[in-house]
Protein backbone atom coordinates (compact mmCIF):
# COMPACT_ATOMS: atom_id res chain seq x y z
CA MET A 1 10.62 1.51 17.12
CA ALA A 2 7.07 1.70 15.77
CA ASP A 3 7.68 -0.93 13.10
CA SER A 4 8.57 -3.63 15.59
CA THR A 5 5.47 -2.79 17.59
CA VAL A 6 3.32 -3.11 14.48
CA ALA A 7 5.04 -6.40 13.65
CA ALA A 8 4.61 -7.79 17.17
CA ARG A 9 0.96 -6.77 17.35
CA THR A 10 0.27 -8.21 13.89
CA ARG A 11 1.88 -11.53 14.84
CA GLN A 12 -0.10 -11.64 18.11
CA VAL A 13 -3.41 -11.05 16.29
CA ILE A 14 -2.55 -13.87 13.86
CA ALA A 15 -1.58 -16.25 16.67
CA ASP A 16 -4.73 -15.48 18.65
CA LEU A 17 -7.06 -15.85 15.67
CA LEU A 18 -5.52 -19.09 14.42
CA LYS A 19 -5.02 -20.45 17.94
CA VAL A 20 -1.36 -21.24 17.31
CA HIS A 21 1.67 -20.62 19.50
CA LEU A 22 3.32 -17.26 18.83
CA ASP A 23 6.60 -19.07 18.06
CA ALA A 24 4.92 -20.59 14.97
CA VAL A 25 4.06 -17.16 13.58
CA THR A 26 7.35 -16.50 11.78
CA ASP A 27 7.85 -14.31 8.72
CA GLU A 28 8.23 -17.42 6.55
CA ALA A 29 5.08 -19.13 7.87
CA HIS A 30 2.50 -19.67 5.13
CA PHE A 31 -1.02 -18.95 6.39
CA VAL A 32 -2.68 -22.03 4.88
CA ARG A 33 0.14 -24.56 4.60
CA ASP A 34 1.94 -23.87 7.89
CA LEU A 35 -0.69 -22.28 10.13
CA GLY A 36 -3.81 -24.09 8.90
CA MET A 37 -5.80 -20.98 8.00
CA GLU A 38 -9.19 -21.66 6.46
CA SER A 39 -10.85 -19.31 3.98
CA ILE A 40 -13.31 -17.82 6.50
CA GLN A 41 -10.38 -17.00 8.76
CA GLN A 42 -8.89 -14.78 6.06
CA VAL A 43 -11.88 -12.46 6.42
CA GLU A 44 -11.73 -12.72 10.21
CA LEU A 45 -8.03 -11.83 10.17
CA LEU A 46 -8.64 -8.70 8.12
CA ALA A 47 -11.38 -7.63 10.53
CA ALA A 48 -9.18 -8.34 13.56
CA LEU A 49 -6.27 -6.35 12.12
CA GLU A 50 -8.57 -3.46 11.21
CA GLU A 51 -9.83 -3.40 14.77
CA GLU A 52 -6.37 -3.75 16.33
CA PHE A 53 -4.89 -0.87 14.33
CA ASP A 54 -8.04 1.20 13.65
CA VAL A 55 -7.41 1.16 9.89
CA GLU A 56 -9.25 0.02 6.77
CA ILE A 57 -7.65 -2.81 4.83
CA ASP A 58 -8.25 -3.27 1.10
CA GLU A 59 -9.17 -6.92 0.65
CA GLU A 60 -7.89 -6.96 -2.94
CA GLU A 61 -4.50 -5.51 -1.93
CA THR A 62 -4.03 -8.19 0.72
CA ALA A 63 -5.15 -11.15 -1.38
CA GLN A 64 -1.55 -11.93 -2.35
CA ASN A 65 -0.32 -11.85 1.27
CA VAL A 66 0.21 -15.56 1.83
CA THR A 67 2.90 -15.43 4.53
CA VAL A 68 3.10 -13.76 7.90
CA GLY A 69 6.03 -11.66 6.68
CA MET A 70 3.98 -10.30 3.79
CA ALA A 71 1.13 -9.40 6.16
CA VAL A 72 3.51 -7.72 8.60
CA GLU A 73 5.11 -5.71 5.79
CA TYR A 74 1.68 -4.60 4.55
CA MET A 75 0.56 -3.57 8.04
CA GLU A 76 3.76 -1.61 8.66
CA LYS A 77 3.16 0.22 5.40
CA ILE A 78 -0.43 1.25 6.13
CA VAL A 79 -0.10 1.93 9.86
CA GLU A 80 2.82 4.38 9.57
């Protein structure tokens, strides 16, 4: 299913960027509180996801995405 591929790829990009084990990148994981994301990494994550999926991401639309699950849901919506 395409959605699970998008989800898996999104989680892998997050894990690679934040240098955390993939097991830590759960839907409930909060980017800052649980995964230690710093503000500059938010911009880097958007760029990495844009490159991975060859899409443009609206920074304002993603500002409220504070958990991995929210980011995965957003990516599944725009990658369709």
